[in-house]
Structures are given as structure tokens and as C-alpha cells.
PDB file of all heavy atoms in Angstrom:
ATOM      1  N   LYS A   1     -13.458 -11.270 -12.256  1.00  0.00           N
ATOM      2  CA  LYS A   1     -13.723 -12.253 -13.343  1.00  0.00           C
ATOM      3  C   LYS A   1     -12.492 -13.074 -13.603  1.00  0.00           C
ATOM      4  O   LYS A   1     -11.405 -12.549 -13.776  1.00  0.00           O
ATOM      5  CB  LYS A   1     -14.080 -11.399 -14.626  1.00  0.00           C
ATOM      6  CG  LYS A   1     -14.398 -12.241 -15.769  1.00  0.00           C
ATOM      7  CD  LYS A   1     -14.841 -11.412 -16.911  1.00  0.00           C
ATOM      8  CE  LYS A   1     -15.252 -12.313 -18.059  1.00  0.00           C
ATOM      9  NZ  LYS A   1     -15.469 -11.391 -19.316  1.00  0.00           N
ATOM     10  N   PHE A   2     -12.640 -14.433 -13.577  1.00  0.00           N
ATOM     11  CA  PHE A   2     -11.614 -15.278 -13.974  1.00  0.00           C
ATOM     12  C   PHE A   2     -11.275 -15.084 -15.396  1.00  0.00           C
ATOM     13  O   PHE A   2     -12.200 -14.750 -16.202  1.00  0.00           O
ATOM     14  CB  PHE A   2     -11.923 -16.776 -13.703  1.00  0.00           C
ATOM     15  CG  PHE A   2     -11.887 -17.189 -12.321  1.00  0.00           C
ATOM     16  CD1 PHE A   2     -12.932 -17.424 -11.539  1.00  0.00           C
ATOM     17  CD2 PHE A   2     -10.619 -17.372 -11.744  1.00  0.00           C
ATOM     18  CE1 PHE A   2     -12.891 -17.800 -10.172  1.00  0.00           C
ATOM     19  CE2 PHE A   2     -10.432 -17.720 -10.376  1.00  0.00           C
ATOM     20  CZ  PHE A   2     -11.640 -17.970  -9.634  1.00  0.00           C
ATOM     21  N   GLY A   3      -9.998 -15.134 -15.796  1.00  0.00           N
ATOM     22  CA  GLY A   3      -9.604 -14.835 -17.158  1.00  0.00           C
ATOM     23  C   GLY A   3      -9.057 -13.359 -17.261  1.00  0.00           C
ATOM     24  O   GLY A   3      -8.643 -13.069 -18.386  1.00  0.00           O
ATOM     25  N   SER A   4      -9.148 -12.616 -16.212  1.00  0.00           N
ATOM     26  CA  SER A   4      -8.594 -11.291 -16.216  1.00  0.00           C
ATOM     27  C   SER A   4      -7.054 -11.420 -16.452  1.00  0.00           C
ATOM     28  O   SER A   4      -6.426 -12.218 -15.899  1.00  0.00           O
ATOM     29  CB  SER A   4      -8.795 -10.521 -14.887  1.00  0.00           C
ATOM     30  OG  SER A   4     -10.234 -10.405 -14.624  1.00  0.00           O
ATOM     31  N   THR A   5      -6.651 -10.617 -17.440  1.00  0.00           N
ATOM     32  CA  THR A   5      -5.220 -10.867 -17.863  1.00  0.00           C
ATOM     33  C   THR A   5      -4.203 -10.015 -17.100  1.00  0.00           C
ATOM     34  O   THR A   5      -2.980 -10.269 -17.248  1.00  0.00           O
ATOM     35  CB  THR A   5      -5.124 -10.538 -19.369  1.00  0.00           C
ATOM     36  OG1 THR A   5      -5.548  -9.113 -19.583  1.00  0.00           O
ATOM     37  CG2 THR A   5      -5.889 -11.490 -20.183  1.00  0.00           C
ATOM     38  N   GLU A   6      -4.692  -9.050 -16.301  1.00  0.00           N
ATOM     39  CA  GLU A   6      -3.672  -8.207 -15.553  1.00  0.00           C
ATOM     40  C   GLU A   6      -3.988  -8.474 -14.140  1.00  0.00           C
ATOM     41  O   GLU A   6      -5.083  -8.761 -13.643  1.00  0.00           O
ATOM     42  CB  GLU A   6      -3.908  -6.766 -15.836  1.00  0.00           C
ATOM     43  CG  GLU A   6      -3.553  -6.410 -17.338  1.00  0.00           C
ATOM     44  CD  GLU A   6      -3.691  -4.967 -17.642  1.00  0.00           C
ATOM     45  OE1 GLU A   6      -3.773  -4.071 -16.643  1.00  0.00           O
ATOM     46  OE2 GLU A   6      -3.754  -4.601 -18.782  1.00  0.00           O
ATOM     47  N   ASN A   7      -2.892  -8.493 -13.336  1.00  0.00           N
ATOM     48  CA  ASN A   7      -2.940  -8.507 -11.846  1.00  0.00           C
ATOM     49  C   ASN A   7      -3.532  -9.901 -11.374  1.00  0.00           C
ATOM     50  O   ASN A   7      -4.480  -9.927 -10.653  1.00  0.00           O
ATOM     51  CB  ASN A   7      -3.815  -7.373 -11.364  1.00  0.00           C
ATOM     52  CG  ASN A   7      -3.225  -6.906  -9.960  1.00  0.00           C
ATOM     53  OD1 ASN A   7      -2.463  -7.554  -9.340  1.00  0.00           O
ATOM     54  ND2 ASN A   7      -3.708  -5.799  -9.527  1.00  0.00           N
ATOM     55  N   GLU A   8      -2.940 -10.965 -11.912  1.00  0.00           N
ATOM     56  CA  GLU A   8      -3.481 -12.319 -11.554  1.00  0.00           C
ATOM     57  C   GLU A   8      -3.493 -12.579 -10.146  1.00  0.00           C
ATOM     58  O   GLU A   8      -4.425 -13.299  -9.599  1.00  0.00           O
ATOM     59  CB  GLU A   8      -2.664 -13.347 -12.353  1.00  0.00           C
ATOM     60  CG  GLU A   8      -2.990 -13.436 -13.789  1.00  0.00           C
ATOM     61  CD  GLU A   8      -2.113 -12.466 -14.610  1.00  0.00           C
ATOM     62  OE1 GLU A   8      -1.294 -11.681 -14.093  1.00  0.00           O
ATOM     63  OE2 GLU A   8      -2.346 -12.378 -15.866  1.00  0.00           O
ATOM     64  N   ASP A   9      -2.552 -11.993  -9.337  1.00  0.00           N
ATOM     65  CA  ASP A   9      -2.477 -12.233  -7.940  1.00  0.00           C
ATOM     66  C   ASP A   9      -3.656 -11.588  -7.218  1.00  0.00           C
ATOM     67  O   ASP A   9      -4.206 -12.206  -6.305  1.00  0.00           O
ATOM     68  CB  ASP A   9      -1.207 -11.759  -7.357  1.00  0.00           C
ATOM     69  CG  ASP A   9      -0.861 -10.354  -7.587  1.00  0.00           C
ATOM     70  OD1 ASP A   9      -1.338  -9.760  -8.578  1.00  0.00           O
ATOM     71  OD2 ASP A   9      -0.027  -9.809  -6.795  1.00  0.00           O
ATOM     72  N   LEU A  10      -4.150 -10.552  -7.707  1.00  0.00           N
ATOM     73  CA  LEU A  10      -5.369  -9.913  -7.153  1.00  0.00           C
ATOM     74  C   LEU A  10      -6.566 -10.811  -7.471  1.00  0.00           C
ATOM     75  O   LEU A  10      -7.480 -10.999  -6.587  1.00  0.00           O
ATOM     76  CB  LEU A  10      -5.616  -8.465  -7.634  1.00  0.00           C
ATOM     77  CG  LEU A  10      -6.819  -7.718  -7.227  1.00  0.00           C
ATOM     78  CD1 LEU A  10      -6.794  -7.608  -5.743  1.00  0.00           C
ATOM     79  CD2 LEU A  10      -6.925  -6.420  -7.846  1.00  0.00           C
ATOM     80  N   THR A  11      -6.666 -11.288  -8.617  1.00  0.00           N
ATOM     81  CA  THR A  11      -7.680 -12.268  -9.081  1.00  0.00           C
ATOM     82  C   THR A  11      -7.711 -13.425  -8.091  1.00  0.00           C
ATOM     83  O   THR A  11      -8.825 -13.839  -7.582  1.00  0.00           O
ATOM     84  CB  THR A  11      -7.570 -12.648 -10.500  1.00  0.00           C
ATOM     85  OG1 THR A  11      -7.645 -11.502 -11.328  1.00  0.00           O
ATOM     86  CG2 THR A  11      -8.726 -13.589 -10.894  1.00  0.00           C
ATOM     87  N   TRP A  12      -6.584 -13.998  -7.904  1.00  0.00           N
ATOM     88  CA  TRP A  12      -6.526 -15.142  -6.972  1.00  0.00           C
ATOM     89  C   TRP A  12      -6.929 -14.755  -5.585  1.00  0.00           C
ATOM     90  O   TRP A  12      -7.774 -15.482  -4.982  1.00  0.00           O
ATOM     91  CB  TRP A  12      -5.080 -15.631  -6.874  1.00  0.00           C
ATOM     92  CG  TRP A  12      -4.894 -16.735  -5.864  1.00  0.00           C
ATOM     93  CD1 TRP A  12      -5.118 -18.142  -6.077  1.00  0.00           C
ATOM     94  CD2 TRP A  12      -4.567 -16.571  -4.494  1.00  0.00           C
ATOM     95  NE1 TRP A  12      -4.937 -18.708  -4.910  1.00  0.00           N
ATOM     96  CE2 TRP A  12      -4.593 -17.876  -3.922  1.00  0.00           C
ATOM     97  CE3 TRP A  12      -4.329 -15.487  -3.667  1.00  0.00           C
ATOM     98  CZ2 TRP A  12      -4.266 -18.112  -2.583  1.00  0.00           C
ATOM     99  CZ3 TRP A  12      -3.939 -15.708  -2.376  1.00  0.00           C
ATOM    100  CH2 TRP A  12      -3.977 -16.990  -1.820  1.00  0.00           C
ATOM    101  N   ALA A  13      -6.447 -13.595  -5.065  1.00  0.00           N
ATOM    102  CA  ALA A  13      -6.876 -13.171  -3.647  1.00  0.00           C
ATOM    103  C   ALA A  13      -8.335 -12.958  -3.597  1.00  0.00           C
ATOM    104  O   ALA A  13      -8.960 -13.376  -2.579  1.00  0.00           O
ATOM    105  CB  ALA A  13      -6.062 -11.918  -3.314  1.00  0.00           C
ATOM    106  N   LEU A  14      -8.934 -12.267  -4.537  1.00  0.00           N
ATOM    107  CA  LEU A  14     -10.328 -11.965  -4.551  1.00  0.00           C
ATOM    108  C   LEU A  14     -11.248 -13.156  -4.704  1.00  0.00           C
ATOM    109  O   LEU A  14     -12.365 -13.208  -4.160  1.00  0.00           O
ATOM    110  CB  LEU A  14     -10.718 -10.894  -5.549  1.00  0.00           C
ATOM    111  CG  LEU A  14     -10.238  -9.534  -5.295  1.00  0.00           C
ATOM    112  CD1 LEU A  14     -10.456  -8.561  -6.501  1.00  0.00           C
ATOM    113  CD2 LEU A  14     -10.854  -8.923  -4.075  1.00  0.00           C
ATOM    114  N   ASN A  15     -10.755 -14.228  -5.424  1.00  0.00           N
ATOM    115  CA  ASN A  15     -11.637 -15.312  -5.735  1.00  0.00           C
ATOM    116  C   ASN A  15     -11.370 -16.595  -4.847  1.00  0.00           C
ATOM    117  O   ASN A  15     -12.118 -17.515  -4.933  1.00  0.00           O
ATOM    118  CB  ASN A  15     -11.503 -15.688  -7.187  1.00  0.00           C
ATOM    119  CG  ASN A  15     -12.162 -14.652  -8.109  1.00  0.00           C
ATOM    120  OD1 ASN A  15     -12.888 -13.831  -7.672  1.00  0.00           O
ATOM    121  ND2 ASN A  15     -11.709 -14.651  -9.287  1.00  0.00           N
ATOM    122  N   THR A  16     -10.260 -16.543  -4.108  1.00  0.00           N
ATOM    123  CA  THR A  16      -9.965 -17.765  -3.189  1.00  0.00           C
ATOM    124  C   THR A  16      -9.727 -17.380  -1.803  1.00  0.00           C
ATOM    125  O   THR A  16     -10.404 -17.840  -0.865  1.00  0.00           O
ATOM    126  CB  THR A  16      -8.784 -18.472  -3.748  1.00  0.00           C
ATOM    127  OG1 THR A  16      -7.672 -17.690  -3.852  1.00  0.00           O
ATOM    128  CG2 THR A  16      -9.037 -19.057  -5.144  1.00  0.00           C
ATOM    129  N   TYR A  17      -8.847 -16.405  -1.508  1.00  0.00           N
ATOM    130  CA  TYR A  17      -8.498 -16.018  -0.120  1.00  0.00           C
ATOM    131  C   TYR A  17      -9.578 -15.285   0.531  1.00  0.00           C
ATOM    132  O   TYR A  17     -10.062 -15.635   1.591  1.00  0.00           O
ATOM    133  CB  TYR A  17      -7.191 -15.223  -0.129  1.00  0.00           C
ATOM    134  CG  TYR A  17      -6.889 -14.710   1.204  1.00  0.00           C
ATOM    135  CD1 TYR A  17      -6.405 -15.503   2.220  1.00  0.00           C
ATOM    136  CD2 TYR A  17      -7.031 -13.266   1.452  1.00  0.00           C
ATOM    137  CE1 TYR A  17      -6.088 -14.985   3.451  1.00  0.00           C
ATOM    138  CE2 TYR A  17      -6.779 -12.823   2.747  1.00  0.00           C
ATOM    139  CZ  TYR A  17      -6.290 -13.618   3.739  1.00  0.00           C
ATOM    140  OH  TYR A  17      -6.026 -13.159   4.993  1.00  0.00           O
ATOM    141  N   MET A  18     -10.149 -14.214  -0.117  1.00  0.00           N
ATOM    142  CA  MET A  18     -11.149 -13.379   0.394  1.00  0.00           C
ATOM    143  C   MET A  18     -12.446 -14.166   0.756  1.00  0.00           C
ATOM    144  O   MET A  18     -12.969 -13.946   1.876  1.00  0.00           O
ATOM    145  CB  MET A  18     -11.370 -12.195  -0.432  1.00  0.00           C
ATOM    146  CG  MET A  18     -12.309 -11.158   0.213  1.00  0.00           C
ATOM    147  SD  MET A  18     -13.918 -11.054  -0.663  1.00  0.00           S
ATOM    148  CE  MET A  18     -13.528 -10.893  -2.333  1.00  0.00           C
ATOM    149  N   PRO A  19     -12.913 -14.999  -0.095  1.00  0.00           N
ATOM    150  CA  PRO A  19     -14.130 -15.753   0.282  1.00  0.00           C
ATOM    151  C   PRO A  19     -13.988 -16.604   1.536  1.00  0.00           C
ATOM    152  O   PRO A  19     -14.879 -16.753   2.352  1.00  0.00           O
ATOM    153  CB  PRO A  19     -14.326 -16.696  -1.016  1.00  0.00           C
ATOM    154  CG  PRO A  19     -13.803 -15.879  -2.085  1.00  0.00           C
ATOM    155  CD  PRO A  19     -12.528 -15.261  -1.505  1.00  0.00           C
ATOM    156  N   GLY A  20     -12.725 -17.168   1.676  1.00  0.00           N
ATOM    157  CA  GLY A  20     -12.528 -17.943   2.884  1.00  0.00           C
ATOM    158  C   GLY A  20     -12.613 -17.069   4.195  1.00  0.00           C
ATOM    159  O   GLY A  20     -13.055 -17.499   5.202  1.00  0.00           O
ATOM    160  N   ARG A  21     -12.081 -15.864   4.051  1.00  0.00           N
ATOM    161  CA  ARG A  21     -12.095 -14.863   5.207  1.00  0.00           C
ATOM    162  C   ARG A  21     -13.526 -14.478   5.495  1.00  0.00           C
ATOM    163  O   ARG A  21     -13.931 -14.340   6.606  1.00  0.00           O
ATOM    164  CB  ARG A  21     -11.198 -13.623   4.893  1.00  0.00           C
ATOM    165  CG  ARG A  21      -9.694 -13.937   4.719  1.00  0.00           C
ATOM    166  CD  ARG A  21      -9.080 -14.629   5.956  1.00  0.00           C
ATOM    167  NE  ARG A  21      -9.266 -13.848   7.145  1.00  0.00           N
ATOM    168  CZ  ARG A  21      -9.687 -14.414   8.276  1.00  0.00           C
ATOM    169  NH1 ARG A  21      -9.890 -15.695   8.403  1.00  0.00           N
ATOM    170  NH2 ARG A  21      -9.944 -13.657   9.329  1.00  0.00           N
ATOM    171  N   VAL A  22     -14.289 -14.269   4.392  1.00  0.00           N
ATOM    172  CA  VAL A  22     -15.708 -13.940   4.586  1.00  0.00           C
ATOM    173  C   VAL A  22     -16.478 -15.038   5.243  1.00  0.00           C
ATOM    174  O   VAL A  22     -17.298 -14.789   6.187  1.00  0.00           O
ATOM    175  CB  VAL A  22     -16.321 -13.578   3.172  1.00  0.00           C
ATOM    176  CG1 VAL A  22     -17.827 -13.456   3.325  1.00  0.00           C
ATOM    177  CG2 VAL A  22     -15.809 -12.210   2.662  1.00  0.00           C
ATOM    178  N   ALA A  23     -16.242 -16.221   4.843  1.00  0.00           N
ATOM    179  CA  ALA A  23     -16.866 -17.429   5.388  1.00  0.00           C
ATOM    180  C   ALA A  23     -16.616 -17.560   6.866  1.00  0.00           C
ATOM    181  O   ALA A  23     -17.452 -17.892   7.701  1.00  0.00           O
ATOM    182  CB  ALA A  23     -16.489 -18.763   4.720  1.00  0.00           C
ATOM    183  N   GLU A  24     -15.352 -17.243   7.275  1.00  0.00           N
ATOM    184  CA  GLU A  24     -14.888 -17.301   8.650  1.00  0.00           C
ATOM    185  C   GLU A  24     -15.631 -16.202   9.429  1.00  0.00           C
ATOM    186  O   GLU A  24     -16.168 -16.429  10.487  1.00  0.00           O
ATOM    187  CB  GLU A  24     -13.383 -17.173   8.812  1.00  0.00           C
ATOM    188  CG  GLU A  24     -12.893 -17.130  10.167  1.00  0.00           C
ATOM    189  CD  GLU A  24     -13.006 -18.430  10.895  1.00  0.00           C
ATOM    190  OE1 GLU A  24     -13.195 -19.481  10.330  1.00  0.00           O
ATOM    191  OE2 GLU A  24     -13.099 -18.367  12.163  1.00  0.00           O
TER     192      GLU A  24
END
């Protein structure tokens, strides 16, 4: 969930990096 206040780097990885890897 965007807006999560802890572990922002994990939020970024799960919502941007990982979807790209899945698409590949």
C-alpha cells in the first residue's frame, strides 16, 4: 500500500522494481 510509513524502500521495490521484473 502506497502511504505505508515504515520501510519506504520496500514499498518502492514492491511497487516499481518487482512489477518490472514480473513483466519481464
